[in-house]
Amino acid sequence: MPIEMAIRDVLGGSPWRAIDNAPKQQIAILPAMIAALNGAFDDISRAMKLHRVWVALAHEDIGDQHRRTTLGPLWMLVNYFAFVGTFVFVFVTDSTNNPGYIAYVSIGMLVWFYLNEIISMSVSLFQREASFIQGTTLPLFVYVMRLTMQCVIRAAYSMAGCILILVLAGYGLSLNWLQSFPGLLVILLSTPAFITVFAFLGAFFPDSEFIVGNLMRVGMFFTPVFWVYSGQGGIQKYAYHWNPFTYLLEAVRDPITTGIFPTHAFAVTGLVCLIVWLLALILLGRYHKRVVFLT
């Protein structure tokens, strides 16, 4: 302590100023975080009051995408059947040649297509909505909910196809299906948060659109969407246990394919969604007024 006192006398203050100021810095951060959360909740509240706007815009987007096609939105159902059929009948092996594999792939594809779409499309969201953002005073969360609604509508067609495949595969409606609803609900409620986070990522780092797109394409093969993990070692072990998408899939798939509620997968899914929501609220609160300068 004598050395510390001598240094203090020479310098005219504490030699550990950074440490001494740490509590003050933490106190200063707290109001900023509270202000950011208040700004986020205000933007979300105003957007929810305009629910008719983003619902109508989402339906218009779906209609425009299939305006001159013969099947219209049913092409989304055809696309789902094509992918599931490919992985079930082309990539089938001795270890996956069982009745449960059809359900395994069908549900895995349903959840993965939804997650892939919300993440891939959200990176360029603010660039696509640049004219609205610059020319209107709509809350930023309106555009988030517009994309959310689009993805939910597309997923509804895939879900109809998934239910049909499960019934034809011998998985009739049962109480096990009800155990999948909590996982589906958590993923659905976290969709705006995922979109918000990746939309800001794309706004601040335009190159992330290509990075995220490539990672999601490769990520499908590192996620147990169509391959079954049976205790293998190597890359599959780490791809299964350390991949957050694994738990998002299992929270929905396991109740139907195994008849057991996946407590661990559901807990991890809930934790991931809470973290993403917290990050989304902070980003929305701090930067929702700056996006106009980035588009």
C-alpha atoms as a PDB file:
ATOM      1  CA  MET A   1       0.000   0.000   0.000  1.00  0.00           C
ATOM      2  CA  PRO A   2       2.841   2.543   0.588  1.00  0.00           C
ATOM      3  CA  ILE A   3       3.790   2.221  -3.093  1.00  0.00           C
ATOM      4  CA  GLU A   4       0.211   2.845  -4.145  1.00  0.00           C
ATOM      5  CA  MET A   5      -0.003   5.916  -1.850  1.00  0.00           C
ATOM      6  CA  ALA A   6       3.223   7.305  -3.283  1.00  0.00           C
ATOM      7  CA  ILE A   7       1.981   6.925  -6.844  1.00  0.00           C
ATOM      8  CA  ARG A   8      -1.309   8.537  -5.845  1.00  0.00           C
ATOM      9  CA  ASP A   9       0.496  11.553  -4.395  1.00  0.00           C
ATOM     10  CA  VAL A  10       2.682  11.982  -7.489  1.00  0.00           C
ATOM     11  CA  LEU A  11      -0.117  11.580 -10.033  1.00  0.00           C
ATOM     12  CA  GLY A  12      -2.659  13.469  -8.012  1.00  0.00           C
ATOM     13  CA  GLY A  13      -5.204  10.690  -8.065  1.00  0.00           C
ATOM     14  CA  SER A  14      -5.811   6.981  -8.039  1.00  0.00           C
ATOM     15  CA  PRO A  15      -3.526   4.828 -10.209  1.00  0.00           C
ATOM     16  CA  TRP A  16      -6.535   2.618 -10.841  1.00  0.00           C
ATOM     17  CA  ARG A  17      -8.847   5.208 -12.403  1.00  0.00           C
ATOM     18  CA  ALA A  18     -10.435   2.732 -14.814  1.00  0.00           C
ATOM     19  CA  ILE A  19     -11.328   0.475 -11.903  1.00  0.00           C
ATOM     20  CA  ASP A  20     -12.554   3.370  -9.761  1.00  0.00           C
ATOM     21  CA  ASN A  21     -14.777   4.619 -12.587  1.00  0.00           C
ATOM     22  CA  ALA A  22     -16.198   1.176 -13.424  1.00  0.00           C
ATOM     23  CA  PRO A  23     -19.262   1.492 -11.118  1.00  0.00           C
ATOM     24  CA  LYS A  24     -20.006   4.951 -12.558  1.00  0.00           C
ATOM     25  CA  GLN A  25     -19.719   3.594 -16.094  1.00  0.00           C
ATOM     26  CA  GLN A  26     -22.096   0.752 -15.255  1.00  0.00           C
ATOM     27  CA  ILE A  27     -24.568   3.235 -13.768  1.00  0.00           C
ATOM     28  CA  ALA A  28     -24.323   5.353 -16.927  1.00  0.00           C
ATOM     29  CA  ILE A  29     -25.001   2.347 -19.156  1.00  0.00           C
ATOM     30  CA  LEU A  30     -28.205   1.444 -17.329  1.00  0.00           C
ATOM     31  CA  PRO A  31     -30.228   4.559 -18.321  1.00  0.00           C
ATOM     32  CA  ALA A  32     -29.093   4.156 -21.936  1.00  0.00           C
ATOM     33  CA  MET A  33     -30.301   0.559 -21.969  1.00  0.00           C
ATOM     34  CA  ILE A  34     -33.610   1.520 -20.381  1.00  0.00           C
ATOM     35  CA  ALA A  35     -34.059   4.291 -22.943  1.00  0.00           C
ATOM     36  CA  ALA A  36     -33.300   1.833 -25.761  1.00  0.00           C
ATOM     37  CA  LEU A  37     -35.853  -0.656 -24.439  1.00  0.00           C
ATOM     38  CA  ASN A  38     -38.470   2.091 -24.076  1.00  0.00           C
ATOM     39  CA  GLY A  39     -37.824   3.168 -27.661  1.00  0.00           C
ATOM     40  CA  ALA A  40     -38.152  -0.417 -28.863  1.00  0.00           C
ATOM     41  CA  PHE A  41     -41.405  -1.016 -27.006  1.00  0.00           C
ATOM     42  CA  ASP A  42     -42.801   2.260 -28.341  1.00  0.00           C
ATOM     43  CA  ASP A  43     -41.957   1.282 -31.928  1.00  0.00           C
ATOM     44  CA  ILE A  44     -43.454  -2.187 -31.438  1.00  0.00           C
ATOM     45  CA  SER A  45     -46.600  -0.784 -29.812  1.00  0.00           C
ATOM     46  CA  ARG A  46     -47.220   1.641 -32.675  1.00  0.00           C
ATOM     47  CA  ALA A  47     -46.605  -1.143 -35.215  1.00  0.00           C
ATOM     48  CA  MET A  48     -49.105  -3.472 -33.508  1.00  0.00           C
ATOM     49  CA  LYS A  49     -51.768  -0.775 -33.795  1.00  0.00           C
ATOM     50  CA  LEU A  50     -51.149  -0.802 -37.543  1.00  0.00           C
ATOM     51  CA  HIS A  51     -51.632  -4.572 -37.852  1.00  0.00           C
ATOM     52  CA  ARG A  52     -54.044  -4.146 -40.750  1.00  0.00           C
ATOM     53  CA  VAL A  53     -51.292  -2.428 -42.719  1.00  0.00           C
ATOM     54  CA  TRP A  54     -48.643  -5.150 -42.452  1.00  0.00           C
ATOM     55  CA  VAL A  55     -51.182  -7.952 -42.830  1.00  0.00           C
ATOM     56  CA  ALA A  56     -52.493  -6.390 -46.045  1.00  0.00           C
ATOM     57  CA  LEU A  57     -48.969  -5.767 -47.350  1.00  0.00           C
ATOM     58  CA  ALA A  58     -47.953  -9.360 -46.630  1.00  0.00           C
ATOM     59  CA  HIS A  59     -50.980 -10.775 -48.477  1.00  0.00           C
ATOM     60  CA  GLU A  60     -50.268  -8.434 -51.371  1.00  0.00           C
ATOM     61  CA  ASP A  61     -46.652  -9.655 -51.502  1.00  0.00           C
ATOM     62  CA  ILE A  62     -47.750 -13.295 -51.646  1.00  0.00           C
ATOM     63  CA  GLY A  63     -50.256 -12.496 -54.383  1.00  0.00           C
ATOM     64  CA  ASP A  64     -47.723 -10.540 -56.446  1.00  0.00           C
ATOM     65  CA  GLN A  65     -45.212 -13.388 -56.314  1.00  0.00           C
ATOM     66  CA  HIS A  66     -47.700 -15.801 -57.885  1.00  0.00           C
ATOM     67  CA  ARG A  67     -49.859 -13.384 -59.867  1.00  0.00           C
ATOM     68  CA  ARG A  68     -49.600 -14.975 -63.334  1.00  0.00           C
ATOM     69  CA  THR A  69     -48.968 -18.583 -62.324  1.00  0.00           C
ATOM     70  CA  THR A  70     -51.456 -21.400 -62.847  1.00  0.00           C
ATOM     71  CA  LEU A  71     -51.289 -22.884 -59.347  1.00  0.00           C
ATOM     72  CA  GLY A  72     -50.713 -19.602 -57.525  1.00  0.00           C
ATOM     73  CA  PRO A  73     -49.542 -19.994 -53.919  1.00  0.00           C
ATOM     74  CA  LEU A  74     -49.972 -23.758 -54.240  1.00  0.00           C
ATOM     75  CA  TRP A  75     -46.531 -23.770 -55.823  1.00  0.00           C
ATOM     76  CA  MET A  76     -45.171 -23.428 -52.278  1.00  0.00           C
ATOM     77  CA  LEU A  77     -46.844 -26.721 -51.426  1.00  0.00           C
ATOM     78  CA  VAL A  78     -45.438 -28.361 -54.566  1.00  0.00           C
ATOM     79  CA  ASN A  79     -41.966 -27.094 -53.664  1.00  0.00           C
ATOM     80  CA  TYR A  80     -42.234 -28.644 -50.202  1.00  0.00           C
ATOM     81  CA  PHE A  81     -43.367 -32.023 -51.589  1.00  0.00           C
ATOM     82  CA  ALA A  82     -40.508 -31.987 -54.097  1.00  0.00           C
ATOM     83  CA  PHE A  83     -37.827 -31.467 -51.450  1.00  0.00           C
ATOM     84  CA  VAL A  84     -39.244 -33.981 -48.996  1.00  0.00           C
ATOM     85  CA  GLY A  85     -39.672 -36.562 -51.753  1.00  0.00           C
ATOM     86  CA  THR A  86     -36.086 -36.065 -52.891  1.00  0.00           C
ATOM     87  CA  PHE A  87     -34.555 -36.612 -49.470  1.00  0.00           C
ATOM     88  CA  VAL A  88     -36.850 -39.493 -48.552  1.00  0.00           C
ATOM     89  CA  PHE A  89     -36.510 -41.520 -51.742  1.00  0.00           C
ATOM     90  CA  VAL A  90     -33.085 -40.514 -53.072  1.00  0.00           C
ATOM     91  CA  PHE A  91     -31.012 -40.240 -49.893  1.00  0.00           C
ATOM     92  CA  VAL A  92     -32.575 -43.194 -48.094  1.00  0.00           C
ATOM     93  CA  THR A  93     -30.096 -45.670 -46.600  1.00  0.00           C
ATOM     94  CA  ASP A  94     -30.326 -48.888 -44.608  1.00  0.00           C
ATOM     95  CA  SER A  95     -30.115 -46.951 -41.353  1.00  0.00           C
ATOM     96  CA  THR A  96     -32.939 -44.606 -42.379  1.00  0.00           C
ATOM     97  CA  ASN A  97     -35.147 -47.148 -44.128  1.00  0.00           C
ATOM     98  CA  ASN A  98     -37.944 -47.179 -41.555  1.00  0.00           C
ATOM     99  CA  PRO A  99     -41.425 -45.658 -41.344  1.00  0.00           C
ATOM    100  CA  GLY A 100     -40.312 -42.980 -38.896  1.00  0.00           C
ATOM    101  CA  TYR A 101     -37.787 -41.517 -41.327  1.00  0.00           C
ATOM    102  CA  ILE A 102     -40.536 -40.034 -43.511  1.00  0.00           C
ATOM    103  CA  ALA A 103     -41.919 -38.143 -40.531  1.00  0.00           C
ATOM    104  CA  TYR A 104     -38.382 -37.215 -39.452  1.00  0.00           C
ATOM    105  CA  VAL A 105     -37.587 -35.575 -42.788  1.00  0.00           C
ATOM    106  CA  SER A 106     -41.042 -34.027 -43.267  1.00  0.00           C
ATOM    107  CA  ILE A 107     -41.007 -32.163 -39.962  1.00  0.00           C
ATOM    108  CA  GLY A 108     -37.318 -31.342 -40.258  1.00  0.00           C
ATOM    109  CA  MET A 109     -37.849 -29.784 -43.679  1.00  0.00           C
ATOM    110  CA  LEU A 110     -40.876 -27.825 -42.449  1.00  0.00           C
ATOM    111  CA  VAL A 111     -38.961 -26.194 -39.597  1.00  0.00           C
ATOM    112  CA  TRP A 112     -35.735 -25.710 -41.559  1.00  0.00           C
ATOM    113  CA  PHE A 113     -37.462 -24.073 -44.549  1.00  0.00           C
ATOM    114  CA  TYR A 114     -39.131 -21.633 -42.173  1.00  0.00           C
ATOM    115  CA  LEU A 115     -35.939 -20.773 -40.282  1.00  0.00           C
ATOM    116  CA  ASN A 116     -33.922 -20.524 -43.480  1.00  0.00           C
ATOM    117  CA  GLU A 117     -36.452 -18.175 -45.041  1.00  0.00           C
ATOM    118  CA  ILE A 118     -36.789 -15.765 -42.119  1.00  0.00           C
ATOM    119  CA  ILE A 119     -33.013 -15.495 -41.709  1.00  0.00           C
ATOM    120  CA  SER A 120     -32.057 -15.286 -45.386  1.00  0.00           C
ATOM    121  CA  MET A 121     -34.762 -12.780 -46.330  1.00  0.00           C
ATOM    122  CA  SER A 122     -34.340 -10.577 -43.272  1.00  0.00           C
ATOM    123  CA  VAL A 123     -30.724  -9.622 -44.045  1.00  0.00           C
ATOM    124  CA  SER A 124     -31.823  -7.474 -46.993  1.00  0.00           C
ATOM    125  CA  LEU A 125     -35.129  -6.360 -45.439  1.00  0.00           C
ATOM    126  CA  PHE A 126     -34.304  -2.699 -44.872  1.00  0.00           C
ATOM    127  CA  GLN A 127     -32.766  -2.368 -48.335  1.00  0.00           C
ATOM    128  CA  ARG A 128     -35.939  -3.770 -49.915  1.00  0.00           C
ATOM    129  CA  GLU A 129     -38.095  -1.438 -47.840  1.00  0.00           C
ATOM    130  CA  ALA A 130     -35.854   1.597 -48.425  1.00  0.00           C
ATOM    131  CA  SER A 131     -38.508   3.566 -50.361  1.00  0.00           C
ATOM    132  CA  PHE A 132     -41.073   3.089 -47.563  1.00  0.00           C
ATOM    133  CA  ILE A 133     -38.558   3.848 -44.813  1.00  0.00           C
ATOM    134  CA  GLN A 134     -37.387   7.051 -46.504  1.00  0.00           C
ATOM    135  CA  GLY A 135     -40.820   8.215 -47.656  1.00  0.00           C
ATOM    136  CA  THR A 136     -43.095   7.377 -44.728  1.00  0.00           C
ATOM    137  CA  THR A 137     -43.154   7.666 -40.944  1.00  0.00           C
ATOM    138  CA  LEU A 138     -44.299   4.109 -40.339  1.00  0.00           C
ATOM    139  CA  PRO A 139     -42.712   2.370 -37.320  1.00  0.00           C
ATOM    140  CA  LEU A 140     -39.739   0.249 -38.319  1.00  0.00           C
ATOM    141  CA  PHE A 141     -41.333  -2.816 -36.738  1.00  0.00           C
ATOM    142  CA  VAL A 142     -44.098  -2.673 -39.367  1.00  0.00           C
ATOM    143  CA  TYR A 143     -41.617  -3.961 -41.952  1.00  0.00           C
ATOM    144  CA  VAL A 144     -40.470  -6.677 -39.566  1.00  0.00           C
ATOM    145  CA  MET A 145     -44.049  -7.858 -39.098  1.00  0.00           C
ATOM    146  CA  ARG A 146     -44.693  -7.635 -42.836  1.00  0.00           C
ATOM    147  CA  LEU A 147     -41.934 -10.181 -43.475  1.00  0.00           C
ATOM    148  CA  THR A 148     -43.038 -12.241 -40.463  1.00  0.00           C
ATOM    149  CA  MET A 149     -46.540 -12.508 -41.888  1.00  0.00           C
ATOM    150  CA  GLN A 150     -45.202 -13.488 -45.308  1.00  0.00           C
ATOM    151  CA  CYS A 151     -43.132 -16.301 -43.802  1.00  0.00           C
ATOM    152  CA  VAL A 152     -46.044 -17.538 -41.690  1.00  0.00           C
ATOM    153  CA  ILE A 153     -48.323 -17.692 -44.746  1.00  0.00           C
ATOM    154  CA  ARG A 154     -45.734 -19.667 -46.727  1.00  0.00           C
ATOM    155  CA  ALA A 155     -45.141 -21.969 -43.766  1.00  0.00           C
ATOM    156  CA  ALA A 156     -48.886 -22.652 -43.536  1.00  0.00           C
ATOM    157  CA  TYR A 157     -48.818 -24.222 -47.018  1.00  0.00           C
ATOM    158  CA  SER A 158     -45.811 -26.341 -46.078  1.00  0.00           C
ATOM    159  CA  MET A 159     -47.481 -27.350 -42.825  1.00  0.00           C
ATOM    160  CA  ALA A 160     -50.554 -28.542 -44.723  1.00  0.00           C
ATOM    161  CA  GLY A 161     -48.261 -30.719 -46.848  1.00  0.00           C
ATOM    162  CA  CYS A 162     -46.420 -31.972 -43.772  1.00  0.00           C
ATOM    163  CA  ILE A 163     -49.663 -32.995 -42.058  1.00  0.00           C
ATOM    164  CA  LEU A 164     -50.781 -34.843 -45.188  1.00  0.00           C
ATOM    165  CA  ILE A 165     -47.473 -36.738 -45.385  1.00  0.00           C
ATOM    166  CA  LEU A 166     -47.627 -37.659 -41.696  1.00  0.00           C
ATOM    167  CA  VAL A 167     -51.165 -38.998 -42.027  1.00  0.00           C
ATOM    168  CA  LEU A 168     -50.252 -41.028 -45.131  1.00  0.00           C
ATOM    169  CA  ALA A 169     -47.168 -42.351 -43.302  1.00  0.00           C
ATOM    170  CA  GLY A 170     -49.346 -43.710 -40.505  1.00  0.00           C
ATOM    171  CA  TYR A 171     -48.927 -40.895 -37.976  1.00  0.00           C
ATOM    172  CA  GLY A 172     -52.562 -40.167 -37.262  1.00  0.00           C
ATOM    173  CA  LEU A 173     -53.662 -37.215 -35.159  1.00  0.00           C
ATOM    174  CA  SER A 174     -52.863 -37.905 -31.503  1.00  0.00           C
ATOM    175  CA  LEU A 175     -52.009 -36.176 -28.248  1.00  0.00           C
ATOM    176  CA  ASN A 176     -48.336 -36.320 -29.229  1.00  0.00           C
ATOM    177  CA  TRP A 177     -49.050 -33.652 -31.822  1.00  0.00           C
ATOM    178  CA  LEU A 178     -50.121 -31.273 -29.052  1.00  0.00           C
ATOM    179  CA  GLN A 179     -46.667 -31.563 -27.484  1.00  0.00           C
ATOM    180  CA  SER A 180     -45.182 -30.044 -30.639  1.00  0.00           C
ATOM    181  CA  PHE A 181     -47.224 -26.864 -30.282  1.00  0.00           C
ATOM    182  CA  PRO A 182     -45.036 -25.321 -27.524  1.00  0.00           C
ATOM    183  CA  GLY A 183     -41.961 -25.642 -29.750  1.00  0.00           C
ATOM    184  CA  LEU A 184     -43.830 -24.226 -32.739  1.00  0.00           C
ATOM    185  CA  LEU A 185     -45.191 -21.382 -30.632  1.00  0.00           C
ATOM    186  CA  VAL A 186     -41.766 -20.397 -29.291  1.00  0.00           C
ATOM    187  CA  ILE A 187     -40.299 -20.366 -32.811  1.00  0.00           C
ATOM    188  CA  LEU A 188     -43.250 -18.343 -34.097  1.00  0.00           C
ATOM    189  CA  LEU A 189     -43.035 -15.784 -31.285  1.00  0.00           C
ATOM    190  CA  SER A 190     -39.288 -15.405 -31.789  1.00  0.00           C
ATOM    191  CA  THR A 191     -39.591 -14.838 -35.551  1.00  0.00           C
ATOM    192  CA  PRO A 192     -39.804 -11.004 -35.314  1.00  0.00           C
ATOM    193  CA  ALA A 193     -36.719 -11.021 -33.085  1.00  0.00           C
ATOM    194  CA  PHE A 194     -34.678 -13.088 -35.553  1.00  0.00           C
ATOM    195  CA  ILE A 195     -35.792 -10.841 -38.414  1.00  0.00           C
ATOM    196  CA  THR A 196     -34.908  -7.675 -36.485  1.00  0.00           C
ATOM    197  CA  VAL A 197     -31.417  -8.854 -35.553  1.00  0.00           C
ATOM    198  CA  PHE A 198     -30.492 -10.015 -39.057  1.00  0.00           C
ATOM    199  CA  ALA A 199     -32.106  -6.964 -40.682  1.00  0.00           C
ATOM    200  CA  PHE A 200     -29.860  -4.660 -38.649  1.00  0.00           C
ATOM    201  CA  LEU A 201     -26.905  -6.891 -39.457  1.00  0.00           C
ATOM    202  CA  GLY A 202     -27.638  -6.432 -43.158  1.00  0.00           C
ATOM    203  CA  ALA A 203     -28.107  -2.686 -42.729  1.00  0.00           C
ATOM    204  CA  PHE A 204     -24.746  -2.169 -41.022  1.00  0.00           C
ATOM    205  CA  PHE A 205     -22.814  -4.806 -42.995  1.00  0.00           C
ATOM    206  CA  PRO A 206     -24.188  -5.189 -46.555  1.00  0.00           C
ATOM    207  CA  ASP A 207     -21.788  -8.065 -47.287  1.00  0.00           C
ATOM    208  CA  SER A 208     -23.568 -10.122 -44.638  1.00  0.00           C
ATOM    209  CA  GLU A 209     -26.358 -10.845 -47.146  1.00  0.00           C
ATOM    210  CA  PHE A 210     -23.989 -13.100 -49.093  1.00  0.00           C
ATOM    211  CA  ILE A 211     -22.240 -14.446 -45.994  1.00  0.00           C
ATOM    212  CA  VAL A 212     -25.490 -15.433 -44.280  1.00  0.00           C
ATOM    213  CA  GLY A 213     -26.906 -16.900 -47.500  1.00  0.00           C
ATOM    214  CA  ASN A 214     -23.891 -19.144 -47.967  1.00  0.00           C
ATOM    215  CA  LEU A 215     -23.816 -20.150 -44.312  1.00  0.00           C
ATOM    216  CA  MET A 216     -27.485 -21.150 -44.387  1.00  0.00           C
ATOM    217  CA  ARG A 217     -26.997 -23.257 -47.512  1.00  0.00           C
ATOM    218  CA  VAL A 218     -24.076 -25.065 -45.917  1.00  0.00           C
ATOM    219  CA  GLY A 219     -25.807 -25.120 -42.533  1.00  0.00           C
ATOM    220  CA  MET A 220     -28.534 -27.390 -43.840  1.00  0.00           C
ATOM    221  CA  PHE A 221     -25.990 -30.193 -44.122  1.00  0.00           C
ATOM    222  CA  PHE A 222     -24.600 -29.501 -40.637  1.00  0.00           C
ATOM    223  CA  THR A 223     -28.084 -29.652 -39.120  1.00  0.00           C
ATOM    224  CA  PRO A 224     -29.983 -32.937 -38.581  1.00  0.00           C
ATOM    225  CA  VAL A 225     -32.697 -32.026 -41.052  1.00  0.00           C
ATOM    226  CA  PHE A 226     -32.485 -35.241 -43.077  1.00  0.00           C
ATOM    227  CA  TRP A 227     -29.582 -37.113 -41.453  1.00  0.00           C
ATOM    228  CA  VAL A 228     -30.055 -39.002 -38.196  1.00  0.00           C
ATOM    229  CA  TYR A 229     -27.589 -38.738 -35.345  1.00  0.00           C
ATOM    230  CA  SER A 230     -26.969 -42.086 -33.659  1.00  0.00           C
ATOM    231  CA  GLY A 231     -24.026 -41.309 -31.436  1.00  0.00           C
ATOM    232  CA  GLN A 232     -21.458 -40.888 -34.191  1.00  0.00           C
ATOM    233  CA  GLY A 233     -18.215 -39.067 -33.455  1.00  0.00           C
ATOM    234  CA  GLY A 234     -16.323 -36.491 -35.452  1.00  0.00           C
ATOM    235  CA  ILE A 235     -18.004 -33.591 -37.179  1.00  0.00           C
ATOM    236  CA  GLN A 236     -21.515 -35.019 -36.808  1.00  0.00           C
ATOM    237  CA  LYS A 237     -21.162 -35.069 -33.025  1.00  0.00           C
ATOM    238  CA  TYR A 238     -20.298 -31.362 -32.843  1.00  0.00           C
ATOM    239  CA  ALA A 239     -22.789 -30.450 -35.575  1.00  0.00           C
ATOM    240  CA  TYR A 240     -25.516 -32.108 -33.542  1.00  0.00           C
ATOM    241  CA  HIS A 241     -24.721 -31.001 -29.985  1.00  0.00           C
ATOM    242  CA  TRP A 242     -23.397 -27.477 -30.623  1.00  0.00           C
ATOM    243  CA  ASN A 243     -25.814 -26.428 -33.343  1.00  0.00           C
ATOM    244  CA  PRO A 244     -28.701 -24.299 -31.990  1.00  0.00           C
ATOM    245  CA  PHE A 245     -30.839 -25.277 -34.983  1.00  0.00           C
ATOM    246  CA  THR A 246     -30.726 -28.875 -33.752  1.00  0.00           C
ATOM    247  CA  TYR A 247     -32.780 -27.962 -30.695  1.00  0.00           C
ATOM    248  CA  LEU A 248     -35.212 -25.812 -32.669  1.00  0.00           C
ATOM    249  CA  LEU A 249     -35.943 -28.827 -34.872  1.00  0.00           C
ATOM    250  CA  GLU A 250     -36.134 -31.329 -32.027  1.00  0.00           C
ATOM    251  CA  ALA A 251     -38.516 -29.167 -29.999  1.00  0.00           C
ATOM    252  CA  VAL A 252     -41.076 -29.633 -32.783  1.00  0.00           C
ATOM    253  CA  ARG A 253     -40.120 -33.024 -34.230  1.00  0.00           C
ATOM    254  CA  ASP A 254     -39.428 -35.278 -31.246  1.00  0.00           C
ATOM    255  CA  PRO A 255     -42.938 -35.294 -29.732  1.00  0.00           C
ATOM    256  CA  ILE A 256     -44.346 -36.752 -32.964  1.00  0.00           C
ATOM    257  CA  THR A 257     -41.512 -39.085 -33.986  1.00  0.00           C
ATOM    258  CA  THR A 258     -40.628 -40.400 -30.504  1.00  0.00           C
ATOM    259  CA  GLY A 259     -43.734 -39.613 -28.451  1.00  0.00           C
ATOM    260  CA  ILE A 260     -41.579 -37.929 -25.779  1.00  0.00           C
ATOM    261  CA  PHE A 261     -41.596 -34.251 -24.917  1.00  0.00           C
ATOM    262  CA  PRO A 262     -38.025 -32.938 -25.492  1.00  0.00           C
ATOM    263  CA  THR A 263     -37.501 -31.014 -22.266  1.00  0.00           C
ATOM    264  CA  HIS A 264     -33.830 -30.244 -22.914  1.00  0.00           C
ATOM    265  CA  ALA A 265     -34.413 -29.153 -26.522  1.00  0.00           C
ATOM    266  CA  PHE A 266     -37.350 -26.978 -25.484  1.00  0.00           C
ATOM    267  CA  ALA A 267     -35.300 -25.330 -22.722  1.00  0.00           C
ATOM    268  CA  VAL A 268     -32.441 -24.548 -25.108  1.00  0.00           C
ATOM    269  CA  THR A 269     -34.908 -23.241 -27.692  1.00  0.00           C
ATOM    270  CA  GLY A 270     -36.499 -20.951 -25.112  1.00  0.00           C
ATOM    271  CA  LEU A 271     -33.109 -19.659 -23.965  1.00  0.00           C
ATOM    272  CA  VAL A 272     -31.967 -18.946 -27.527  1.00  0.00           C
ATOM    273  CA  CYS A 273     -35.191 -17.086 -28.272  1.00  0.00           C
ATOM    274  CA  LEU A 274     -34.931 -14.982 -25.094  1.00  0.00           C
ATOM    275  CA  ILE A 275     -31.369 -13.961 -25.973  1.00  0.00           C
ATOM    276  CA  VAL A 276     -32.371 -13.076 -29.531  1.00  0.00           C
ATOM    277  CA  TRP A 277     -35.332 -11.020 -28.298  1.00  0.00           C
ATOM    278  CA  LEU A 278     -33.139  -9.085 -25.864  1.00  0.00           C
ATOM    279  CA  LEU A 279     -30.644  -8.317 -28.628  1.00  0.00           C
ATOM    280  CA  ALA A 280     -33.471  -7.345 -30.999  1.00  0.00           C
ATOM    281  CA  LEU A 281     -35.004  -4.923 -28.490  1.00  0.00           C
ATOM    282  CA  ILE A 282     -31.666  -3.228 -27.848  1.00  0.00           C
ATOM    283  CA  LEU A 283     -30.940  -2.860 -31.573  1.00  0.00           C
ATOM    284  CA  LEU A 284     -34.440  -1.622 -32.362  1.00  0.00           C
ATOM    285  CA  GLY A 285     -34.426   0.872 -29.525  1.00  0.00           C
ATOM    286  CA  ARG A 286     -30.992   2.329 -30.260  1.00  0.00           C
ATOM    287  CA  TYR A 287     -30.946   2.362 -34.042  1.00  0.00           C
ATOM    288  CA  HIS A 288     -34.541   2.491 -35.350  1.00  0.00           C
ATOM    289  CA  LYS A 289     -34.134   6.192 -36.162  1.00  0.00           C
ATOM    290  CA  ARG A 290     -30.760   5.682 -37.896  1.00  0.00           C
ATOM    291  CA  VAL A 291     -31.845   3.040 -40.399  1.00  0.00           C
ATOM    292  CA  VAL A 292     -33.075   5.739 -42.778  1.00  0.00           C
ATOM    293  CA  PHE A 293     -29.452   6.873 -43.212  1.00  0.00           C
ATOM    294  CA  LEU A 294     -28.263   3.335 -43.971  1.00  0.00           C
ATOM    295  CA  THR A 295     -30.746   2.447 -46.737  1.00  0.00           C
END
